[in-house]
Amino acid sequence: MPVHSLFPTRIYAASLPRARAAALNRRLLHECLQLREDDVAGQRWSKRSYPGGFTSYASASRMQLLSPTFAALAKQIDRHVARFVQELEFDLGERSLAMTDCWVNIMPRGVTHGLHLHPLSVLSGTYYVRVPKGAPGLKFEDPRLERYMGAPPRRQDAAERNRTWVVMPARAGGLLLFESWLRHEVAANAVNSERVSISFNYGWG
């Protein structure tokens, strides 16, 4: 066909091996819940900026340097980041991408995470520790949306590649990677159980 696909937006989706993820997630869940109890600064920040939920984004944001369990997760993620870098065909030269930030998110019922991006990073992502049935996935926005101007809406049955919003499902043991400029959000958790995830950034250092 005489139609070219230019400037694609790529999302990397993978899962850790089931047995490895189950064992790792047990330890991660324990540490995430304990951090919520211990992190007074995170509690205060979450009360102001993440109502109803808990995040260590502004308080304990380098968990890969503080916890051997989080360091083990980072080691697993590094392998997937290397594959994604190849797919994106980054020319890193003598430098490499390294995890710069790693923090905890706990979303009880009704908590939402508004539309945002991750400035000053190259790649970002989320790893899912606990996802109750019916909990929301990660919703991505077409980065050209604000430039559509007079464009008509897309059909309800439009192919995924042509949609203006796409929700990637969340599953325990699942991993999503994306370029940090891509805006995304999490809809309100509609179930009674807590959704627990770990978010992170990679920088070019």
N, C-alpha and C. Protein backbone atom coordinates (compact mmCIF):
# COMPACT_ATOMS: atom_id res chain seq x y z
N MET A 1 0.84 -1.20 0.00
CA MET A 1 0.00 0.00 0.00
C MET A 1 0.87 1.25 0.00
N PRO A 2 0.40 2.34 -0.63
CA PRO A 2 1.19 3.57 -0.68
C PRO A 2 1.06 4.41 0.59
N VAL A 3 0.98 3.76 1.74
CA VAL A 3 0.87 4.46 3.01
C VAL A 3 2.06 4.08 3.88
N HIS A 4 2.78 5.06 4.34
CA HIS A 4 3.94 4.82 5.19
C HIS A 4 3.55 5.00 6.66
N SER A 5 4.13 4.20 7.52
CA SER A 5 3.93 4.34 8.96
C SER A 5 5.18 5.01 9.53
N LEU A 6 5.06 6.29 9.90
CA LEU A 6 6.20 7.06 10.37
C LEU A 6 6.02 7.45 11.84
N PHE A 7 7.12 7.63 12.51
CA PHE A 7 7.14 8.10 13.90
C PHE A 7 6.25 7.26 14.83
N PRO A 8 6.44 5.96 14.83
CA PRO A 8 5.59 5.11 15.68
C PRO A 8 5.90 5.32 17.16
N THR A 9 4.90 5.10 17.99
CA THR A 9 5.05 5.13 19.44
C THR A 9 5.07 3.69 19.93
N ARG A 10 6.18 3.28 20.52
CA ARG A 10 6.33 1.89 20.90
C ARG A 10 6.16 1.71 22.41
N ILE A 11 5.43 0.68 22.78
CA ILE A 11 5.26 0.27 24.16
C ILE A 11 5.78 -1.15 24.29
N TYR A 12 6.65 -1.37 25.23
CA TYR A 12 7.22 -2.71 25.46
C TYR A 12 6.44 -3.36 26.60
N ALA A 13 5.87 -4.52 26.33
CA ALA A 13 5.08 -5.24 27.33
C ALA A 13 5.64 -6.65 27.47
N ALA A 14 5.93 -7.04 28.69
CA ALA A 14 6.49 -8.36 28.94
C ALA A 14 6.06 -8.81 30.34
N SER A 15 6.35 -10.04 30.65
CA SER A 15 6.07 -10.58 31.98
C SER A 15 7.28 -11.35 32.47
N LEU A 16 7.54 -11.26 33.76
CA LEU A 16 8.57 -12.11 34.34
C LEU A 16 8.07 -13.55 34.37
N PRO A 17 8.96 -14.53 34.29
CA PRO A 17 8.52 -15.93 34.41
C PRO A 17 7.65 -16.11 35.64
N ARG A 18 6.59 -16.90 35.50
CA ARG A 18 5.57 -16.96 36.54
C ARG A 18 6.12 -17.32 37.92
N ALA A 19 6.93 -18.36 38.00
CA ALA A 19 7.44 -18.79 39.31
C ALA A 19 8.35 -17.71 39.91
N ARG A 20 9.19 -17.10 39.08
CA ARG A 20 10.09 -16.06 39.57
C ARG A 20 9.30 -14.84 40.02
N ALA A 21 8.29 -14.46 39.25
CA ALA A 21 7.48 -13.29 39.59
C ALA A 21 6.72 -13.53 40.89
N ALA A 22 6.18 -14.74 41.07
CA ALA A 22 5.40 -15.02 42.27
C ALA A 22 6.26 -14.89 43.53
N ALA A 23 7.46 -15.45 43.48
CA ALA A 23 8.35 -15.37 44.64
C ALA A 23 8.81 -13.93 44.89
N LEU A 24 9.18 -13.25 43.82
CA LEU A 24 9.64 -11.86 43.96
C LEU A 24 8.52 -10.96 44.45
N ASN A 25 7.33 -11.16 43.91
CA ASN A 25 6.21 -10.29 44.28
C ASN A 25 5.80 -10.46 45.74
N ARG A 26 5.95 -11.64 46.28
CA ARG A 26 5.66 -11.81 47.71
C ARG A 26 6.56 -10.92 48.56
N ARG A 27 7.83 -10.91 48.22
CA ARG A 27 8.76 -10.08 48.98
C ARG A 27 8.53 -8.59 48.71
N LEU A 28 8.27 -8.26 47.44
CA LEU A 28 8.03 -6.86 47.09
C LEU A 28 6.77 -6.33 47.77
N LEU A 29 5.72 -7.13 47.78
CA LEU A 29 4.48 -6.68 48.39
C LEU A 29 4.69 -6.40 49.87
N HIS A 30 5.39 -7.28 50.54
CA HIS A 30 5.67 -7.07 51.96
C HIS A 30 6.42 -5.76 52.17
N GLU A 31 7.42 -5.49 51.35
CA GLU A 31 8.22 -4.28 51.51
C GLU A 31 7.44 -3.02 51.12
N CYS A 32 6.59 -3.12 50.09
CA CYS A 32 5.78 -1.97 49.70
C CYS A 32 4.82 -1.58 50.81
N LEU A 33 4.14 -2.56 51.39
CA LEU A 33 3.19 -2.27 52.46
C LEU A 33 3.90 -1.77 53.71
N GLN A 34 5.09 -2.31 53.98
CA GLN A 34 5.86 -1.85 55.14
C GLN A 34 6.35 -0.42 54.93
N LEU A 35 6.75 -0.12 53.70
CA LEU A 35 7.21 1.24 53.41
C LEU A 35 6.09 2.24 53.65
N ARG A 36 4.88 1.88 53.27
CA ARG A 36 3.75 2.79 53.52
C ARG A 36 3.59 3.08 55.01
N GLU A 37 3.85 2.10 55.84
CA GLU A 37 3.73 2.30 57.28
C GLU A 37 4.87 3.15 57.83
N ASP A 38 6.07 3.00 57.27
CA ASP A 38 7.26 3.63 57.83
C ASP A 38 7.57 5.01 57.25
N ASP A 39 7.16 5.26 56.02
CA ASP A 39 7.58 6.46 55.29
C ASP A 39 6.67 7.64 55.63
N VAL A 40 7.00 8.33 56.70
CA VAL A 40 6.17 9.44 57.16
C VAL A 40 6.16 10.57 56.13
N ALA A 41 7.31 10.87 55.54
CA ALA A 41 7.37 11.92 54.52
C ALA A 41 6.51 11.55 53.32
N GLY A 42 6.54 10.28 52.94
CA GLY A 42 5.71 9.83 51.83
C GLY A 42 4.23 9.91 52.15
N GLN A 43 3.88 9.61 53.38
CA GLN A 43 2.48 9.73 53.81
C GLN A 43 2.00 11.17 53.68
N ARG A 44 2.83 12.10 54.13
CA ARG A 44 2.46 13.52 54.07
C ARG A 44 2.32 13.99 52.62
N TRP A 45 3.29 13.62 51.79
CA TRP A 45 3.23 14.05 50.39
C TRP A 45 2.03 13.44 49.69
N SER A 46 1.76 12.17 49.96
CA SER A 46 0.63 11.49 49.33
C SER A 46 -0.70 12.12 49.74
N LYS A 47 -0.79 12.53 50.98
CA LYS A 47 -2.02 13.16 51.46
C LYS A 47 -2.33 14.42 50.67
N ARG A 48 -1.27 15.15 50.30
CA ARG A 48 -1.47 16.38 49.52
C ARG A 48 -1.63 16.12 48.03
N SER A 49 -0.84 15.21 47.50
CA SER A 49 -0.72 15.09 46.05
C SER A 49 -1.23 13.78 45.46
N TYR A 50 -1.60 12.82 46.31
CA TYR A 50 -2.07 11.52 45.84
C TYR A 50 -3.19 11.06 46.77
N PRO A 51 -4.27 11.83 46.82
CA PRO A 51 -5.31 11.64 47.85
C PRO A 51 -5.86 10.21 47.88
N GLY A 52 -5.85 9.64 49.07
CA GLY A 52 -6.38 8.30 49.27
C GLY A 52 -5.40 7.18 49.03
N GLY A 53 -4.30 7.49 48.35
CA GLY A 53 -3.31 6.47 48.03
C GLY A 53 -1.98 6.74 48.70
N PHE A 54 -1.00 5.95 48.31
CA PHE A 54 0.35 6.15 48.82
C PHE A 54 1.34 6.00 47.68
N THR A 55 2.30 6.92 47.62
CA THR A 55 3.42 6.80 46.70
C THR A 55 4.68 7.29 47.40
N SER A 56 5.79 6.64 47.13
CA SER A 56 7.06 7.09 47.70
C SER A 56 7.84 7.93 46.69
N TYR A 57 7.14 8.43 45.68
CA TYR A 57 7.77 9.20 44.60
C TYR A 57 8.61 10.37 45.13
N ALA A 58 8.11 11.07 46.13
CA ALA A 58 8.80 12.26 46.62
C ALA A 58 9.61 12.01 47.88
N SER A 59 9.70 10.77 48.31
CA SER A 59 10.36 10.50 49.59
C SER A 59 11.40 9.38 49.49
N ALA A 60 10.98 8.23 49.01
CA ALA A 60 11.89 7.08 48.84
C ALA A 60 11.82 6.66 47.38
N SER A 61 12.52 7.41 46.54
CA SER A 61 12.38 7.25 45.09
C SER A 61 13.56 6.53 44.45
N ARG A 62 14.45 5.97 45.26
CA ARG A 62 15.56 5.16 44.73
C ARG A 62 15.61 3.84 45.48
N MET A 63 14.50 3.15 45.45
CA MET A 63 14.38 1.92 46.22
C MET A 63 15.35 0.85 45.73
N GLN A 64 15.78 0.92 44.49
CA GLN A 64 16.73 -0.08 43.97
C GLN A 64 18.09 0.02 44.66
N LEU A 65 18.36 1.16 45.31
CA LEU A 65 19.61 1.35 46.05
C LEU A 65 19.45 1.06 47.54
N LEU A 66 18.21 0.92 47.99
CA LEU A 66 17.95 0.75 49.42
C LEU A 66 17.57 -0.67 49.80
N SER A 67 17.05 -1.41 48.86
CA SER A 67 16.51 -2.74 49.16
C SER A 67 17.07 -3.79 48.21
N PRO A 68 17.62 -4.89 48.72
CA PRO A 68 18.07 -5.98 47.84
C PRO A 68 16.94 -6.56 46.99
N THR A 69 15.73 -6.53 47.51
CA THR A 69 14.59 -7.05 46.75
C THR A 69 14.31 -6.17 45.55
N PHE A 70 14.31 -4.87 45.74
CA PHE A 70 14.11 -3.95 44.63
C PHE A 70 15.30 -4.00 43.67
N ALA A 71 16.50 -4.20 44.20
CA ALA A 71 17.68 -4.34 43.34
C ALA A 71 17.55 -5.58 42.45
N ALA A 72 16.99 -6.66 42.99
CA ALA A 72 16.78 -7.87 42.18
C ALA A 72 15.78 -7.59 41.08
N LEU A 73 14.73 -6.83 41.38
CA LEU A 73 13.78 -6.45 40.34
C LEU A 73 14.45 -5.60 39.27
N ALA A 74 15.26 -4.63 39.70
CA ALA A 74 15.96 -3.77 38.75
C ALA A 74 16.84 -4.58 37.81
N LYS A 75 17.46 -5.60 38.32
CA LYS A 75 18.30 -6.45 37.49
C LYS A 75 17.48 -7.14 36.40
N GLN A 76 16.29 -7.57 36.76
CA GLN A 76 15.39 -8.18 35.77
C GLN A 76 14.95 -7.15 34.73
N ILE A 77 14.61 -5.96 35.20
CA ILE A 77 14.14 -4.92 34.29
C ILE A 77 15.25 -4.49 33.34
N ASP A 78 16.49 -4.45 33.83
CA ASP A 78 17.62 -4.05 32.98
C ASP A 78 17.68 -4.87 31.69
N ARG A 79 17.41 -6.16 31.80
CA ARG A 79 17.46 -7.04 30.62
C ARG A 79 16.41 -6.63 29.58
N HIS A 80 15.22 -6.29 30.07
CA HIS A 80 14.16 -5.88 29.15
C HIS A 80 14.45 -4.50 28.56
N VAL A 81 15.02 -3.61 29.36
CA VAL A 81 15.39 -2.30 28.84
C VAL A 81 16.40 -2.44 27.72
N ALA A 82 17.36 -3.34 27.86
CA ALA A 82 18.36 -3.56 26.81
C ALA A 82 17.70 -3.99 25.51
N ARG A 83 16.69 -4.84 25.60
CA ARG A 83 15.97 -5.28 24.40
C ARG A 83 15.18 -4.14 23.77
N PHE A 84 14.56 -3.33 24.63
CA PHE A 84 13.78 -2.20 24.13
C PHE A 84 14.69 -1.18 23.45
N VAL A 85 15.85 -0.95 24.01
CA VAL A 85 16.82 -0.03 23.41
C VAL A 85 17.19 -0.49 22.00
N GLN A 86 17.37 -1.78 21.82
CA GLN A 86 17.67 -2.30 20.50
C GLN A 86 16.52 -2.04 19.53
N GLU A 87 15.30 -2.25 20.00
CA GLU A 87 14.13 -2.02 19.15
C GLU A 87 14.01 -0.55 18.76
N LEU A 88 14.32 0.35 19.68
CA LEU A 88 14.24 1.79 19.42
C LEU A 88 15.43 2.31 18.62
N GLU A 89 16.47 1.48 18.52
CA GLU A 89 17.69 1.82 17.77
C GLU A 89 18.35 3.10 18.30
N PHE A 90 18.42 3.20 19.63
CA PHE A 90 19.14 4.30 20.24
C PHE A 90 20.64 4.13 19.99
N ASP A 91 21.31 5.24 19.72
CA ASP A 91 22.76 5.26 19.62
C ASP A 91 23.29 5.84 20.93
N LEU A 92 23.65 4.97 21.86
CA LEU A 92 24.05 5.41 23.19
C LEU A 92 25.52 5.77 23.29
N GLY A 93 26.29 5.48 22.24
CA GLY A 93 27.71 5.79 22.28
C GLY A 93 28.42 5.03 23.39
N GLU A 94 29.28 5.72 24.12
CA GLU A 94 30.03 5.11 25.21
C GLU A 94 29.23 5.05 26.51
N ARG A 95 28.07 5.68 26.52
CA ARG A 95 27.26 5.70 27.73
C ARG A 95 26.17 4.64 27.66
N SER A 96 25.48 4.45 28.75
CA SER A 96 24.42 3.45 28.80
C SER A 96 23.23 4.02 29.57
N LEU A 97 22.11 3.33 29.47
CA LEU A 97 20.95 3.71 30.26
C LEU A 97 21.02 3.00 31.61
N ALA A 98 20.67 3.72 32.66
CA ALA A 98 20.70 3.14 34.00
C ALA A 98 19.47 3.62 34.76
N MET A 99 18.96 2.77 35.64
CA MET A 99 17.81 3.15 36.45
C MET A 99 18.21 4.27 37.41
N THR A 100 17.48 5.36 37.35
CA THR A 100 17.77 6.51 38.20
C THR A 100 16.78 6.66 39.35
N ASP A 101 15.54 6.21 39.14
CA ASP A 101 14.49 6.35 40.14
C ASP A 101 13.66 5.08 40.17
N CYS A 102 13.14 4.76 41.34
CA CYS A 102 12.31 3.57 41.51
C CYS A 102 11.46 3.77 42.76
N TRP A 103 10.14 3.80 42.60
CA TRP A 103 9.29 4.13 43.73
C TRP A 103 8.01 3.28 43.74
N VAL A 104 7.32 3.34 44.86
CA VAL A 104 6.16 2.50 45.13
C VAL A 104 4.87 3.29 44.94
N ASN A 105 3.85 2.63 44.37
CA ASN A 105 2.51 3.21 44.25
C ASN A 105 1.49 2.22 44.79
N ILE A 106 0.64 2.68 45.69
CA ILE A 106 -0.43 1.84 46.22
C ILE A 106 -1.75 2.58 46.02
N MET A 107 -2.66 1.94 45.28
CA MET A 107 -3.93 2.58 44.91
C MET A 107 -5.10 1.81 45.51
N PRO A 108 -5.66 2.25 46.62
CA PRO A 108 -6.91 1.67 47.11
C PRO A 108 -8.09 2.08 46.20
N ARG A 109 -9.25 1.62 46.55
CA ARG A 109 -10.45 1.93 45.78
C ARG A 109 -10.63 3.45 45.68
N GLY A 110 -10.98 3.90 44.47
CA GLY A 110 -11.28 5.31 44.23
C GLY A 110 -10.09 6.18 43.91
N VAL A 111 -8.88 5.68 44.10
CA VAL A 111 -7.69 6.49 43.85
C VAL A 111 -7.37 6.49 42.35
N THR A 112 -6.98 7.64 41.86
CA THR A 112 -6.63 7.79 40.46
C THR A 112 -5.25 8.41 40.34
N HIS A 113 -4.63 8.26 39.18
CA HIS A 113 -3.32 8.86 38.90
C HIS A 113 -3.46 9.66 37.62
N GLY A 114 -3.45 10.98 37.74
CA GLY A 114 -3.74 11.86 36.63
C GLY A 114 -2.72 11.81 35.50
N LEU A 115 -3.11 12.41 34.39
CA LEU A 115 -2.28 12.42 33.18
C LEU A 115 -0.95 13.12 33.45
N HIS A 116 0.15 12.47 33.07
CA HIS A 116 1.47 13.03 33.34
C HIS A 116 2.50 12.37 32.44
N LEU A 117 3.70 12.90 32.48
CA LEU A 117 4.86 12.30 31.81
C LEU A 117 6.03 12.35 32.77
N HIS A 118 7.19 11.85 32.33
CA HIS A 118 8.36 11.78 33.21
C HIS A 118 9.50 12.60 32.60
N PRO A 119 9.55 13.89 32.89
CA PRO A 119 10.58 14.74 32.27
C PRO A 119 11.99 14.38 32.71
N LEU A 120 12.95 14.70 31.85
CA LEU A 120 14.38 14.52 32.11
C LEU A 120 14.80 13.05 32.20
N SER A 121 13.97 12.14 31.74
CA SER A 121 14.33 10.73 31.67
C SER A 121 14.23 10.26 30.22
N VAL A 122 14.78 9.10 29.95
CA VAL A 122 14.74 8.53 28.59
C VAL A 122 13.64 7.49 28.48
N LEU A 123 13.68 6.50 29.36
CA LEU A 123 12.65 5.46 29.40
C LEU A 123 12.03 5.43 30.79
N SER A 124 10.77 5.11 30.84
CA SER A 124 10.06 4.94 32.10
C SER A 124 9.25 3.65 32.01
N GLY A 125 8.74 3.23 33.15
CA GLY A 125 7.96 2.02 33.13
C GLY A 125 7.31 1.71 34.45
N THR A 126 6.55 0.63 34.43
CA THR A 126 5.84 0.16 35.62
C THR A 126 5.93 -1.35 35.70
N TYR A 127 6.13 -1.83 36.91
CA TYR A 127 6.08 -3.27 37.18
C TYR A 127 4.94 -3.49 38.17
N TYR A 128 4.13 -4.53 37.91
CA TYR A 128 2.94 -4.76 38.72
C TYR A 128 3.19 -5.85 39.76
N VAL A 129 2.99 -5.46 41.01
CA VAL A 129 3.21 -6.37 42.14
C VAL A 129 1.92 -7.09 42.49
N ARG A 130 0.85 -6.35 42.64
CA ARG A 130 -0.47 -6.94 42.92
C ARG A 130 -1.52 -6.19 42.14
N VAL A 131 -2.31 -6.92 41.36
CA VAL A 131 -3.37 -6.32 40.56
C VAL A 131 -4.65 -7.13 40.78
N PRO A 132 -5.56 -6.65 41.61
CA PRO A 132 -6.81 -7.37 41.80
C PRO A 132 -7.65 -7.36 40.52
N LYS A 133 -8.47 -8.35 40.37
CA LYS A 133 -9.33 -8.45 39.19
C LYS A 133 -10.21 -7.21 39.09
N GLY A 134 -10.20 -6.59 37.91
CA GLY A 134 -10.99 -5.39 37.68
C GLY A 134 -10.25 -4.09 37.92
N ALA A 135 -9.02 -4.16 38.41
CA ALA A 135 -8.24 -2.93 38.63
C ALA A 135 -7.81 -2.35 37.29
N PRO A 136 -7.64 -1.04 37.20
CA PRO A 136 -7.35 -0.40 35.92
C PRO A 136 -5.94 -0.66 35.41
N GLY A 137 -5.81 -0.59 34.09
CA GLY A 137 -4.51 -0.68 33.45
C GLY A 137 -3.91 0.71 33.28
N LEU A 138 -2.90 0.80 32.42
CA LEU A 138 -2.20 2.06 32.16
C LEU A 138 -2.69 2.62 30.83
N LYS A 139 -3.22 3.83 30.87
CA LYS A 139 -3.82 4.46 29.69
C LYS A 139 -2.83 5.43 29.06
N PHE A 140 -2.54 5.23 27.78
CA PHE A 140 -1.60 6.07 27.05
C PHE A 140 -2.35 6.99 26.09
N GLU A 141 -1.83 8.20 25.95
CA GLU A 141 -2.41 9.21 25.08
C GLU A 141 -1.57 9.38 23.81
N ASP A 142 -2.23 9.46 22.67
CA ASP A 142 -1.53 9.79 21.42
C ASP A 142 -0.82 11.13 21.60
N PRO A 143 0.51 11.17 21.44
CA PRO A 143 1.24 12.42 21.69
C PRO A 143 0.90 13.54 20.71
N ARG A 144 0.18 13.23 19.63
CA ARG A 144 -0.20 14.26 18.65
C ARG A 144 -1.58 14.81 18.91
N LEU A 145 -2.23 14.37 19.98
CA LEU A 145 -3.64 14.67 20.18
C LEU A 145 -3.94 16.16 20.15
N GLU A 146 -3.10 16.96 20.78
CA GLU A 146 -3.36 18.40 20.84
C GLU A 146 -3.19 19.08 19.50
N ARG A 147 -2.64 18.38 18.51
CA ARG A 147 -2.43 18.97 17.18
C ARG A 147 -3.48 18.50 16.16
N TYR A 148 -4.45 17.74 16.61
CA TYR A 148 -5.43 17.20 15.67
C TYR A 148 -6.34 18.28 15.09
N MET A 149 -6.57 19.34 15.84
CA MET A 149 -7.36 20.48 15.39
C MET A 149 -8.73 20.03 14.87
N GLY A 150 -8.95 20.07 13.55
CA GLY A 150 -10.27 19.77 13.00
C GLY A 150 -10.48 18.33 12.62
N ALA A 151 -9.63 17.43 13.10
CA ALA A 151 -9.75 16.03 12.70
C ALA A 151 -11.01 15.39 13.27
N PRO A 152 -11.69 14.53 12.50
CA PRO A 152 -12.86 13.83 13.02
C PRO A 152 -12.45 12.78 14.04
N PRO A 153 -13.40 12.33 14.85
CA PRO A 153 -13.07 11.26 15.81
C PRO A 153 -12.78 9.95 15.08
N ARG A 154 -12.08 9.05 15.77
CA ARG A 154 -11.83 7.73 15.20
C ARG A 154 -13.04 6.83 15.44
N ARG A 155 -13.21 5.87 14.55
CA ARG A 155 -14.29 4.91 14.71
C ARG A 155 -14.12 4.11 15.99
N GLN A 156 -15.20 3.66 16.56
CA GLN A 156 -15.13 2.88 17.80
C GLN A 156 -14.37 1.58 17.60
N ASP A 157 -14.41 1.03 16.39
CA ASP A 157 -13.71 -0.22 16.10
C ASP A 157 -12.36 0.01 15.43
N ALA A 158 -11.80 1.22 15.58
CA ALA A 158 -10.51 1.53 14.95
C ALA A 158 -9.43 0.59 15.46
N ALA A 159 -8.48 0.27 14.58
CA ALA A 159 -7.34 -0.56 14.98
C ALA A 159 -6.57 0.14 16.09
N GLU A 160 -5.93 -0.64 16.92
CA GLU A 160 -5.19 -0.09 18.07
C GLU A 160 -4.22 1.00 17.65
N ARG A 161 -3.54 0.80 16.51
CA ARG A 161 -2.52 1.75 16.07
C ARG A 161 -3.12 3.10 15.67
N ASN A 162 -4.43 3.17 15.45
CA ASN A 162 -5.08 4.41 15.02
C ASN A 162 -5.88 5.08 16.12
N ARG A 163 -5.89 4.54 17.32
CA ARG A 163 -6.68 5.12 18.40
C ARG A 163 -5.95 6.30 19.03
N THR A 164 -6.70 7.17 19.65
CA THR A 164 -6.10 8.32 20.34
C THR A 164 -5.78 7.98 21.80
N TRP A 165 -6.42 6.94 22.35
CA TRP A 165 -6.13 6.45 23.69
C TRP A 165 -6.06 4.94 23.65
N VAL A 166 -5.09 4.37 24.34
CA VAL A 166 -4.99 2.91 24.43
C VAL A 166 -4.69 2.55 25.88
N VAL A 167 -5.43 1.58 26.41
CA VAL A 167 -5.19 1.10 27.77
C VAL A 167 -4.48 -0.24 27.70
N MET A 168 -3.30 -0.29 28.30
CA MET A 168 -2.56 -1.54 28.41
C MET A 168 -2.92 -2.19 29.73
N PRO A 169 -3.40 -3.43 29.71
CA PRO A 169 -3.86 -4.05 30.95
C PRO A 169 -2.73 -4.26 31.95
N ALA A 170 -3.10 -4.23 33.22
CA ALA A 170 -2.16 -4.47 34.31
C ALA A 170 -2.34 -5.89 34.81
N ARG A 171 -1.22 -6.60 34.98
CA ARG A 171 -1.24 -7.96 35.50
C ARG A 171 -0.06 -8.14 36.44
N ALA A 172 -0.27 -8.82 37.53
CA ALA A 172 0.82 -9.08 38.46
C ALA A 172 1.95 -9.81 37.74
N GLY A 173 3.18 -9.32 37.93
CA GLY A 173 4.33 -9.88 37.23
C GLY A 173 4.57 -9.27 35.87
N GLY A 174 3.68 -8.37 35.46
CA GLY A 174 3.81 -7.72 34.16
C GLY A 174 4.66 -6.47 34.21
N LEU A 175 5.26 -6.15 33.08
CA LEU A 175 6.18 -5.03 32.96
C LEU A 175 5.84 -4.23 31.71
N LEU A 176 5.76 -2.90 31.85
CA LEU A 176 5.56 -2.01 30.72
C LEU A 176 6.71 -1.01 30.66
N LEU A 177 7.25 -0.80 29.47
CA LEU A 177 8.29 0.20 29.24
C LEU A 177 7.83 1.13 28.13
N PHE A 178 8.18 2.42 28.25
CA PHE A 178 7.79 3.39 27.24
C PHE A 178 8.76 4.57 27.31
N GLU A 179 8.80 5.36 26.24
CA GLU A 179 9.63 6.55 26.27
C GLU A 179 9.00 7.58 27.21
N SER A 180 9.85 8.27 27.94
CA SER A 180 9.39 9.07 29.07
C SER A 180 8.54 10.27 28.68
N TRP A 181 8.59 10.69 27.43
CA TRP A 181 7.79 11.83 26.99
C TRP A 181 6.32 11.46 26.76
N LEU A 182 5.99 10.19 26.78
CA LEU A 182 4.64 9.74 26.45
C LEU A 182 3.71 9.93 27.66
N ARG A 183 2.66 10.71 27.48
CA ARG A 183 1.75 10.97 28.59
C ARG A 183 0.87 9.74 28.86
N HIS A 184 0.57 9.56 30.14
CA HIS A 184 -0.19 8.39 30.55
C HIS A 184 -0.91 8.67 31.86
N GLU A 185 -1.87 7.83 32.20
CA GLU A 185 -2.64 8.00 33.42
C GLU A 185 -3.21 6.66 33.84
N VAL A 186 -3.71 6.62 35.07
CA VAL A 186 -4.40 5.44 35.58
C VAL A 186 -5.77 5.88 36.07
N ALA A 187 -6.81 5.26 35.54
CA ALA A 187 -8.17 5.59 35.96
C ALA A 187 -8.39 5.17 37.41
N ALA A 188 -9.47 5.64 37.99
CA ALA A 188 -9.78 5.32 39.38
C ALA A 188 -9.91 3.82 39.57
N ASN A 189 -9.32 3.33 40.64
CA ASN A 189 -9.45 1.92 40.98
C ASN A 189 -10.88 1.66 41.44
N ALA A 190 -11.58 0.78 40.74
CA ALA A 190 -13.00 0.56 41.02
C ALA A 190 -13.25 -0.65 41.91
N VAL A 191 -12.20 -1.29 42.38
CA VAL A 191 -12.38 -2.49 43.20
C VAL A 191 -11.89 -2.22 44.62
N ASN A 192 -12.30 -3.08 45.53
CA ASN A 192 -11.99 -2.86 46.94
C ASN A 192 -10.54 -3.18 47.31
N SER A 193 -9.88 -4.04 46.55
CA SER A 193 -8.51 -4.42 46.84
C SER A 193 -7.52 -3.38 46.31
N GLU A 194 -6.36 -3.31 46.93
CA GLU A 194 -5.35 -2.33 46.53
C GLU A 194 -4.54 -2.80 45.33
N ARG A 195 -4.32 -1.90 44.44
CA ARG A 195 -3.46 -2.11 43.28
C ARG A 195 -2.06 -1.62 43.66
N VAL A 196 -1.06 -2.49 43.56
CA VAL A 196 0.29 -2.15 43.99
C VAL A 196 1.24 -2.27 42.80
N SER A 197 1.96 -1.20 42.54
CA SER A 197 2.90 -1.20 41.42
C SER A 197 4.18 -0.48 41.80
N ILE A 198 5.20 -0.68 40.98
CA ILE A 198 6.50 -0.02 41.17
C ILE A 198 6.82 0.69 39.85
N SER A 199 7.05 1.98 39.94
CA SER A 199 7.39 2.77 38.75
C SER A 199 8.87 3.13 38.79
N PHE A 200 9.42 3.45 37.63
CA PHE A 200 10.85 3.72 37.55
C PHE A 200 11.19 4.53 36.32
N ASN A 201 12.36 5.15 36.35
CA ASN A 201 12.91 5.89 35.22
C ASN A 201 14.31 5.40 34.91
N TYR A 202 14.69 5.52 33.65
CA TYR A 202 16.06 5.26 33.21
C TYR A 202 16.60 6.53 32.56
N GLY A 203 17.83 6.87 32.93
CA GLY A 203 18.49 8.03 32.35
C GLY A 203 19.73 7.62 31.56
N TRP A 204 20.19 8.54 30.74
CA TRP A 204 21.36 8.29 29.88
C TRP A 204 22.54 8.98 30.54
N GLY A 205 23.36 8.18 31.24
CA GLY A 205 24.44 8.78 32.02
C GLY A 205 25.81 8.33 31.59
